[in-house]
Amino acid sequence: VGSRTLRSQWDETVKYYADATFLEYVSVEDETTFFTYREMDKLVKQTANFFLELGIQKDEFVALHLHNTPEYMICWLALAQIGAVSVPLNEHYHLEESSYIIEKCCIHRIITESRTLDMYTQNRDALELDTIILTDGTSPASDVFELRRCISAQPCTLQEVRRVTTEDMAVILFTSGTTRHPKGAIYTHCNVVYGGLLHVAQMGMAKGDRFLSSMPCYHMDFQEMAAMPVICSGGTLIMVEHYSARRFWSQVYHHKAHFTDTMSIMNRTMMLQPVQPWEKDHCLKQIYFSMGLSLEEKERF
């Protein structure tokens, strides 16, 4: 890792692979949106400048209550550009769950979307939120910032280059809370980049490889096993909005993925789908899977 940070790794990859496709976003309607590294970097820098304008400080914790969307990637990378710390929240969290983490981390700014916006606007004072940023749609509330509108006039080069070191915090990922309250796991910039380099080496990924993931963006599996290996190798991230057992394998096939990641329940639900004549005609080199599969299940899969 050396002295690399998430910011420096991203900037380096953009420099070398600017016109390569970074992100293919597959919506629940199976519509695909494409971003090159150059296009994504423009949005990242504009968003980072907006965050600077808001006064977000280095090492400040900022919550992201988002599901799998391009805006998650934009905000995650933009916060790293200015040395702030991302605190992703599980997309299914309700008020009690979110408020625990917001209070635990002394968070005063949140980035959210339309489906959870009311939860934060209606409880803004109780949660002590100074800033609410909406990533999609519009809000009738004058004190809610609409991300798309706010970044449209921002410059495409970073207006303040703060000193960010490899030992600075980059992300705090909270556990699922299987022993009562969730625990916040601190990821430094070194941890984040190391995860990318480690998985590149384990999988043998190279420039141009394509990684399809439907793992949730607030989870380590998505960040460290999919997004960071892609960024470290100049590949393409195929980000699926939500997992569907019926559509997953056709997405792997259609998007010509070389790598993907699953959990055991995904493997099992895929095996319940009807056999298709085309399903072995894929480009996959490897599947990463988490949690237990019996030897019989693995062989059958």
Protein backbone atom coordinates (compact mmCIF):
# COMPACT_ATOMS: atom_id res chain seq x y z
CA VAL A 1 0.00 0.00 0.00
CA GLY A 2 2.81 2.39 0.84
CA SER A 3 1.45 5.92 1.17
CA ARG A 4 -1.64 5.34 -0.98
CA THR A 5 -5.07 6.55 0.04
CA LEU A 6 -8.49 5.98 -1.47
CA ARG A 7 -8.15 9.44 -3.02
CA SER A 8 -4.71 8.86 -4.51
CA GLN A 9 -5.63 5.38 -5.76
CA TRP A 10 -8.77 6.71 -7.46
CA ASP A 11 -6.93 9.67 -9.00
CA GLU A 12 -4.16 7.41 -10.29
CA THR A 13 -6.59 4.98 -11.89
CA VAL A 14 -8.51 7.85 -13.51
CA LYS A 15 -5.24 9.20 -14.92
CA TYR A 16 -4.39 5.92 -16.66
CA TYR A 17 -7.84 4.61 -17.62
CA ALA A 18 -9.90 7.80 -18.07
CA ASP A 19 -11.87 6.59 -21.08
CA ALA A 20 -12.43 3.02 -19.86
CA THR A 21 -15.83 2.13 -18.41
CA PHE A 22 -15.74 2.31 -14.63
CA LEU A 23 -19.39 1.69 -13.72
CA GLU A 24 -22.28 -0.13 -15.35
CA TYR A 25 -25.31 0.37 -13.15
CA VAL A 26 -28.10 -2.20 -13.59
CA SER A 27 -31.45 -1.03 -12.21
CA VAL A 28 -34.28 -3.26 -11.00
CA GLU A 29 -35.88 -2.62 -14.40
CA ASP A 30 -32.72 -4.05 -16.02
CA GLU A 31 -31.83 -0.68 -17.50
CA THR A 32 -28.08 -0.03 -17.63
CA THR A 33 -26.35 3.32 -17.09
CA PHE A 34 -22.68 3.69 -18.03
CA PHE A 35 -19.95 5.91 -16.59
CA THR A 36 -16.35 6.09 -17.77
CA TYR A 37 -13.67 6.84 -15.20
CA ARG A 38 -13.48 10.39 -16.57
CA GLU A 39 -17.25 10.91 -16.31
CA MET A 40 -17.38 9.52 -12.79
CA ASP A 41 -14.38 11.61 -11.72
CA LYS A 42 -16.08 14.80 -12.90
CA LEU A 43 -19.08 14.04 -10.68
CA VAL A 44 -16.83 13.04 -7.77
CA LYS A 45 -14.85 16.28 -7.95
CA GLN A 46 -17.99 18.42 -8.31
CA THR A 47 -19.53 16.67 -5.31
CA ALA A 48 -16.33 17.06 -3.28
CA ASN A 49 -16.36 20.80 -4.03
CA PHE A 50 -19.99 21.01 -2.89
CA PHE A 51 -19.03 19.24 0.34
CA LEU A 52 -16.20 21.75 0.83
CA GLU A 53 -18.67 24.58 0.25
CA LEU A 54 -20.92 23.12 2.95
CA GLY A 55 -17.99 23.23 5.36
CA ILE A 56 -17.53 19.48 5.81
CA GLN A 57 -14.27 19.12 7.71
CA LYS A 58 -11.43 16.65 7.43
CA ASP A 59 -12.11 13.61 9.66
CA GLU A 60 -15.78 14.58 9.98
CA PHE A 61 -18.20 11.63 9.99
CA VAL A 62 -20.93 11.80 7.33
CA ALA A 63 -23.74 9.21 7.17
CA LEU A 64 -24.88 7.71 3.87
CA HIS A 65 -28.34 6.11 4.00
CA LEU A 66 -28.49 4.84 0.43
CA HIS A 67 -29.15 1.64 -1.47
CA ASN A 68 -27.11 0.55 -4.49
CA THR A 69 -27.01 3.60 -6.76
CA PRO A 70 -24.32 5.51 -8.69
CA GLU A 71 -24.81 8.34 -6.17
CA TYR A 72 -23.46 6.10 -3.43
CA MET A 73 -20.22 5.64 -5.38
CA ILE A 74 -20.03 9.37 -6.14
CA CYS A 75 -20.49 10.43 -2.50
CA TRP A 76 -18.24 7.69 -1.09
CA LEU A 77 -15.38 8.75 -3.38
CA ALA A 78 -16.08 12.48 -2.91
CA LEU A 79 -15.86 12.26 0.88
CA ALA A 80 -12.51 10.51 0.51
CA GLN A 81 -11.32 13.36 -1.71
CA ILE A 82 -11.71 15.86 1.15
CA GLY A 83 -10.58 13.58 3.97
CA ALA A 84 -14.03 13.11 5.51
CA VAL A 85 -15.22 9.74 6.84
CA SER A 86 -18.09 7.78 5.28
CA VAL A 87 -20.48 6.03 7.65
CA PRO A 88 -22.84 3.91 5.49
CA LEU A 89 -26.16 2.88 7.03
CA ASN A 90 -28.05 -0.29 6.16
CA GLU A 91 -30.68 0.68 3.59
CA HIS A 92 -33.35 -1.14 5.65
CA TYR A 93 -32.69 0.76 8.87
CA HIS A 94 -35.61 2.50 10.55
CA LEU A 95 -35.36 5.49 12.85
CA GLU A 96 -34.28 3.67 16.00
CA GLU A 97 -31.48 1.84 14.21
CA SER A 98 -30.23 4.88 12.32
CA SER A 99 -30.41 7.16 15.36
CA TYR A 100 -28.22 4.78 17.38
CA ILE A 101 -25.37 5.09 14.85
CA ILE A 102 -25.91 8.81 14.27
CA GLU A 103 -25.66 9.45 18.01
CA LYS A 104 -22.78 7.01 18.50
CA CYS A 105 -20.69 8.76 15.84
CA CYS A 106 -21.83 12.33 16.65
CA ILE A 107 -23.01 12.71 13.06
CA HIS A 108 -24.61 16.01 12.03
CA ARG A 109 -24.82 15.50 8.26
CA ILE A 110 -26.61 12.79 6.32
CA ILE A 111 -26.87 11.89 2.64
CA THR A 112 -30.09 10.08 1.88
CA GLU A 113 -32.73 9.41 -0.78
CA SER A 114 -36.45 10.00 -1.28
CA ARG A 115 -37.69 6.82 0.38
CA THR A 116 -36.00 7.68 3.71
CA LEU A 117 -36.05 11.48 3.50
CA ASP A 118 -39.15 11.99 5.66
CA MET A 119 -37.60 9.99 8.49
CA TYR A 120 -34.82 12.56 8.75
CA THR A 121 -36.73 15.76 8.03
CA GLN A 122 -39.40 14.89 10.61
CA ASN A 123 -36.80 14.04 13.26
CA ARG A 124 -34.15 16.57 12.30
CA ASP A 125 -34.03 18.39 15.65
CA ALA A 126 -34.08 15.21 17.73
CA LEU A 127 -31.20 13.79 15.67
CA GLU A 128 -29.34 17.13 15.75
CA LEU A 129 -28.82 17.10 11.99
CA ASP A 130 -27.34 20.27 10.53
CA THR A 131 -27.36 19.08 6.92
CA ILE A 132 -29.62 16.76 4.93
CA ILE A 133 -28.60 16.00 1.33
CA LEU A 134 -31.03 14.32 -1.07
CA THR A 135 -29.51 12.30 -3.90
CA ASP A 136 -32.63 11.78 -6.01
CA GLY A 137 -35.71 13.78 -6.89
CA THR A 138 -36.71 17.06 -5.28
CA SER A 139 -37.77 18.19 -1.83
CA PRO A 140 -40.33 20.86 -0.91
CA ALA A 141 -38.23 21.68 2.16
CA SER A 142 -35.93 24.64 1.61
CA ASP A 143 -33.38 23.30 4.11
CA VAL A 144 -32.79 20.06 2.19
CA PHE A 145 -29.96 20.16 -0.35
CA GLU A 146 -30.71 18.47 -3.69
CA LEU A 147 -27.40 16.92 -4.74
CA ARG A 148 -27.90 17.00 -8.51
CA ARG A 149 -28.80 20.68 -8.54
CA CYS A 150 -26.13 21.68 -6.04
CA ILE A 151 -23.23 20.10 -7.91
CA SER A 152 -24.24 21.23 -11.41
CA ALA A 153 -22.41 24.56 -11.16
CA GLN A 154 -19.39 23.25 -9.26
CA PRO A 155 -15.96 23.17 -10.95
CA CYS A 156 -14.54 19.83 -12.09
CA THR A 157 -11.20 20.18 -10.33
CA LEU A 158 -10.80 19.83 -6.58
CA GLN A 159 -10.76 23.32 -5.04
CA GLU A 160 -8.94 22.40 -1.83
CA VAL A 161 -6.43 19.56 -1.65
CA ARG A 162 -6.23 18.58 1.99
CA ARG A 163 -3.48 16.43 3.43
CA VAL A 164 -4.84 12.89 3.70
CA THR A 165 -2.58 10.08 4.93
CA THR A 166 -2.83 6.35 4.65
CA GLU A 167 -3.48 6.07 8.40
CA ASP A 168 -6.41 8.50 8.38
CA MET A 169 -9.91 7.05 8.79
CA ALA A 170 -11.79 6.56 5.52
CA VAL A 171 -14.89 4.52 6.40
CA ILE A 172 -16.70 3.17 9.46
CA LEU A 173 -18.74 0.06 8.69
CA PHE A 174 -21.16 -1.08 11.36
CA THR A 175 -21.73 -4.77 12.01
CA SER A 176 -25.17 -6.34 11.82
CA GLY A 177 -25.56 -6.19 15.60
CA THR A 178 -25.87 -9.92 16.27
CA THR A 179 -24.77 -9.26 19.86
CA ARG A 180 -27.29 -6.46 20.59
CA HIS A 181 -25.93 -3.13 19.27
CA PRO A 182 -23.91 -2.89 16.02
CA LYS A 183 -20.18 -2.26 16.42
CA GLY A 184 -18.37 0.30 14.29
CA ALA A 185 -15.36 -1.17 12.46
CA ILE A 186 -12.83 1.51 11.51
CA TYR A 187 -11.24 1.29 8.05
CA THR A 188 -8.24 3.54 7.43
CA HIS A 189 -7.29 4.53 3.90
CA CYS A 190 -4.59 1.85 4.19
CA ASN A 191 -7.23 -0.78 5.05
CA VAL A 192 -9.44 0.23 2.12
CA VAL A 193 -6.64 0.17 -0.47
CA TYR A 194 -5.14 -3.00 1.01
CA GLY A 195 -8.50 -4.74 0.60
CA GLY A 196 -8.49 -3.82 -3.06
CA LEU A 197 -4.91 -4.93 -3.70
CA LEU A 198 -5.37 -8.15 -1.72
CA HIS A 199 -8.42 -9.24 -3.71
CA VAL A 200 -6.83 -8.26 -7.02
CA ALA A 201 -3.95 -10.59 -6.15
CA GLN A 202 -6.22 -13.39 -4.89
CA MET A 203 -8.43 -13.32 -7.98
CA GLY A 204 -5.76 -12.51 -10.50
CA MET A 205 -7.66 -9.48 -11.77
CA ALA A 206 -6.21 -7.34 -14.53
CA LYS A 207 -7.01 -4.18 -16.47
CA GLY A 208 -10.36 -4.48 -18.22
CA ASP A 209 -11.74 -7.27 -16.01
CA ARG A 210 -15.42 -6.94 -15.16
CA PHE A 211 -16.78 -7.54 -11.64
CA LEU A 212 -20.54 -7.90 -11.16
CA SER A 213 -21.86 -7.38 -7.63
CA SER A 214 -25.35 -7.16 -6.17
CA MET A 215 -23.99 -6.96 -2.63
CA PRO A 216 -25.30 -3.92 -0.71
CA CYS A 217 -23.08 -0.86 -0.93
CA TYR A 218 -23.05 -0.39 2.85
CA HIS A 219 -21.37 -3.80 3.29
CA MET A 220 -17.70 -4.77 3.33
CA ASP A 221 -18.26 -7.38 0.61
CA PHE A 222 -19.22 -4.69 -1.87
CA GLN A 223 -16.59 -2.13 -0.89
CA GLU A 224 -13.57 -4.37 -0.36
CA MET A 225 -14.28 -7.38 -2.61
CA ALA A 226 -15.85 -5.60 -5.60
CA ALA A 227 -15.43 -1.81 -5.78
CA MET A 228 -11.84 -1.52 -4.56
CA PRO A 229 -10.38 -4.39 -6.65
CA VAL A 230 -11.96 -2.77 -9.71
CA ILE A 231 -10.51 0.64 -8.81
CA CYS A 232 -7.07 -0.85 -8.11
CA SER A 233 -6.95 -2.69 -11.43
CA GLY A 234 -8.68 -0.30 -13.83
CA GLY A 235 -11.60 -2.67 -14.36
CA THR A 236 -15.35 -2.25 -14.68
CA LEU A 237 -17.78 -2.50 -11.77
CA ILE A 238 -21.20 -3.85 -12.74
CA MET A 239 -23.36 -2.63 -9.85
CA VAL A 240 -26.73 -4.39 -9.59
CA GLU A 241 -29.38 -2.39 -7.75
CA HIS A 242 -30.92 -5.41 -5.98
CA TYR A 243 -30.28 -9.15 -6.11
CA SER A 244 -32.86 -11.23 -7.97
CA ALA A 245 -32.50 -15.00 -8.06
CA ARG A 246 -34.47 -15.09 -11.29
CA ARG A 247 -32.32 -12.49 -13.08
CA PHE A 248 -28.87 -12.79 -11.50
CA TRP A 249 -27.38 -15.39 -13.80
CA SER A 250 -28.77 -13.72 -16.91
CA GLN A 251 -27.11 -10.49 -15.69
CA VAL A 252 -23.80 -12.33 -15.29
CA TYR A 253 -24.24 -13.68 -18.82
CA HIS A 254 -25.53 -10.50 -20.47
CA HIS A 255 -22.93 -8.16 -18.93
CA LYS A 256 -20.06 -10.57 -19.64
CA ALA A 257 -18.82 -10.54 -16.04
CA HIS A 258 -15.45 -12.14 -15.30
CA PHE A 259 -15.93 -12.13 -11.52
CA THR A 260 -18.85 -12.01 -9.12
CA ASP A 261 -19.59 -12.51 -5.43
CA THR A 262 -22.41 -14.36 -3.72
CA MET A 263 -23.60 -15.51 -0.32
CA SER A 264 -24.80 -19.05 0.33
CA ILE A 265 -28.49 -18.10 0.21
CA MET A 266 -27.89 -16.64 -3.26
CA ASN A 267 -26.33 -19.86 -4.52
CA ARG A 268 -29.23 -21.85 -3.09
CA THR A 269 -31.96 -19.64 -4.55
CA MET A 270 -30.25 -19.63 -7.95
CA MET A 271 -30.30 -23.44 -7.93
CA LEU A 272 -34.10 -23.31 -7.57
CA GLN A 273 -34.44 -21.53 -10.93
CA PRO A 274 -35.29 -23.46 -14.12
CA VAL A 275 -32.32 -24.57 -16.21
CA GLN A 276 -31.71 -22.39 -19.27
CA PRO A 277 -29.92 -23.56 -22.44
CA TRP A 278 -27.55 -20.55 -22.45
CA GLU A 279 -26.55 -20.49 -18.78
CA LYS A 280 -23.16 -22.19 -19.17
CA ASP A 281 -22.13 -19.84 -21.97
CA HIS A 282 -20.67 -17.21 -19.63
CA CYS A 283 -17.32 -15.43 -19.15
CA LEU A 284 -16.87 -16.02 -15.41
CA LYS A 285 -13.41 -16.89 -14.16
CA GLN A 286 -14.22 -16.97 -10.45
CA ILE A 287 -17.03 -16.63 -7.92
CA TYR A 288 -16.28 -15.36 -4.44
CA PHE A 289 -18.78 -16.65 -1.92
CA SER A 290 -19.33 -15.95 1.77
CA MET A 291 -20.84 -18.17 4.46
CA GLY A 292 -21.19 -21.91 4.35
CA LEU A 293 -21.99 -24.17 1.45
CA SER A 294 -21.72 -27.93 1.89
CA LEU A 295 -19.43 -29.81 -0.48
CA GLU A 296 -22.53 -31.33 -2.10
CA GLU A 297 -24.06 -27.90 -2.65
CA LYS A 298 -20.83 -26.55 -4.14
CA GLU A 299 -20.52 -29.48 -6.53
CA ARG A 300 -24.16 -29.20 -7.56
CA PHE A 301 -23.83 -25.47 -8.13
